[in-house]
């Protein structure tokens, strides 16, 4: 199964260690979602015409179960994610409500990358 990540689970971030047994598949684009940053962590919400750039991983059931425990306040959904010329179905953790600062570029970066 595939997972699209856009924030703290990406390479270079602390929670990426939870994907150590997963296979990185490449860059993905989640369309019709907007990316927001709060004081705690980033999140995506459904927004027509927006896009979020992240990473796609192949994960197992055990990893998915662990992520479900830490992604409190998020809903796991299956969404289309574009990877180059193809579209794949991947799990994405989303929020229903907005509340942070919009990330206009659609790419979440840590303080070292800004």
Protein backbone atom coordinates (compact mmCIF):
# COMPACT_ATOMS: atom_id res chain seq x y z
CA UNK A 1 0.00 0.00 0.00
CA UNK A 2 1.12 3.56 -0.66
CA UNK A 3 1.30 6.58 1.67
CA UNK A 4 1.65 10.24 0.64
CA UNK A 5 3.50 12.37 3.22
CA UNK A 6 3.88 16.15 3.16
CA UNK A 7 5.25 17.22 6.54
CA UNK A 8 7.04 15.73 9.52
CA UNK A 9 7.19 12.25 7.93
CA UNK A 10 9.24 13.48 4.95
CA UNK A 11 12.98 12.88 4.57
CA UNK A 12 14.95 15.25 6.77
CA UNK A 13 12.26 15.48 9.46
CA UNK A 14 12.20 13.71 12.82
CA UNK A 15 9.23 11.43 12.22
CA UNK A 16 10.69 10.02 9.00
CA UNK A 17 12.31 7.37 11.23
CA UNK A 18 8.84 5.77 11.45
CA UNK A 19 9.17 4.96 7.75
CA UNK A 20 12.54 3.19 8.10
CA UNK A 21 11.05 -0.13 6.94
CA UNK A 22 9.19 1.51 4.05
CA UNK A 23 10.25 2.01 0.45
CA UNK A 24 10.57 5.55 -0.89
CA UNK A 25 8.82 5.64 -4.29
CA UNK A 26 9.39 9.27 -5.25
CA UNK A 27 7.87 12.74 -5.30
CA UNK A 28 4.09 13.02 -5.47
CA UNK A 29 1.58 15.81 -5.99
CA UNK A 30 -1.73 15.86 -4.14
CA UNK A 31 -4.14 18.02 -6.11
CA UNK A 32 -7.15 19.94 -4.80
CA UNK A 33 -5.68 20.17 -1.29
CA UNK A 34 -4.10 23.16 0.43
CA UNK A 35 -1.16 22.93 2.83
CA UNK A 36 -1.23 24.73 6.18
CA UNK A 37 1.30 25.06 8.99
CA UNK A 38 0.31 25.39 12.63
CA UNK A 39 2.53 25.80 15.67
CA UNK A 40 2.51 22.02 16.11
CA UNK A 41 2.64 20.48 12.64
CA UNK A 42 1.49 20.87 9.04
CA UNK A 43 -1.81 19.62 7.69
CA UNK A 44 -3.78 19.52 4.46
CA UNK A 45 -7.43 20.35 3.81
CA UNK A 46 -9.56 19.95 0.70
CA UNK A 47 -9.24 23.07 -1.51
CA UNK A 48 -10.12 23.18 -5.19
CA UNK A 49 -7.27 24.25 -7.46
CA UNK A 50 -4.51 23.95 -4.83
CA UNK A 51 -1.74 21.35 -4.70
CA UNK A 52 0.67 19.88 -2.17
CA UNK A 53 4.05 18.42 -3.05
CA UNK A 54 5.29 15.55 -0.92
CA UNK A 55 6.76 12.05 -0.95
CA UNK A 56 5.23 8.64 -1.64
CA UNK A 57 6.23 5.54 0.31
CA UNK A 58 5.26 1.90 0.07
CA UNK A 59 4.35 0.86 3.60
CA UNK A 60 3.14 -2.25 5.41
CA UNK A 61 0.18 -2.79 7.77
CA UNK A 62 2.36 -2.50 10.89
CA UNK A 63 3.66 0.92 9.83
CA UNK A 64 0.13 2.08 8.99
CA UNK A 65 -1.06 1.01 12.46
CA UNK A 66 1.76 2.97 14.13
CA UNK A 67 0.99 6.06 12.04
CA UNK A 68 -2.70 5.84 12.94
CA UNK A 69 -1.69 6.10 16.60
CA UNK A 70 0.46 9.21 16.16
CA UNK A 71 -1.70 11.05 13.63
CA UNK A 72 -4.26 12.03 16.27
CA UNK A 73 -6.69 14.63 14.95
CA UNK A 74 -6.21 13.53 11.35
CA UNK A 75 -8.40 11.38 9.14
CA UNK A 76 -6.76 8.80 6.89
CA UNK A 77 -8.16 8.89 3.35
CA UNK A 78 -7.37 7.27 0.03
CA UNK A 79 -6.64 9.91 -2.62
CA UNK A 80 -5.22 10.16 -6.12
CA UNK A 81 -1.60 11.31 -6.10
CA UNK A 82 0.21 12.27 -9.27
CA UNK A 83 3.72 10.88 -9.72
CA UNK A 84 5.06 12.23 -12.98
CA UNK A 85 2.80 10.98 -15.78
CA UNK A 86 0.92 8.45 -13.68
CA UNK A 87 -1.66 8.66 -10.93
CA UNK A 88 -1.54 6.34 -7.90
CA UNK A 89 -3.92 5.76 -5.02
CA UNK A 90 -2.29 6.51 -1.68
CA UNK A 91 -3.30 7.02 1.92
CA UNK A 92 -3.12 10.65 3.10
CA UNK A 93 -3.70 12.04 6.59
CA UNK A 94 -5.97 15.09 6.28
CA UNK A 95 -7.82 17.53 8.52
CA UNK A 96 -11.38 18.68 8.06
CA UNK A 97 -10.91 22.20 9.45
CA UNK A 98 -8.39 24.93 8.64
CA UNK A 99 -6.62 26.91 11.30
CA UNK A 100 -2.96 27.48 10.53
CA UNK A 101 -0.99 29.66 8.16
CA UNK A 102 -1.31 28.77 4.47
CA UNK A 103 1.87 27.45 2.84
CA UNK A 104 1.57 29.10 -0.56
CA UNK A 105 4.27 27.00 -2.25
CA UNK A 106 2.59 23.72 -1.26
CA UNK A 107 5.95 22.44 0.05
CA UNK A 108 6.50 22.09 3.80
CA UNK A 109 10.09 22.91 4.86
CA UNK A 110 11.74 22.80 8.25
CA UNK A 111 13.58 25.79 9.69
CA UNK A 112 16.90 24.61 8.20
CA UNK A 113 15.35 24.63 4.70
CA UNK A 114 13.81 28.11 4.82
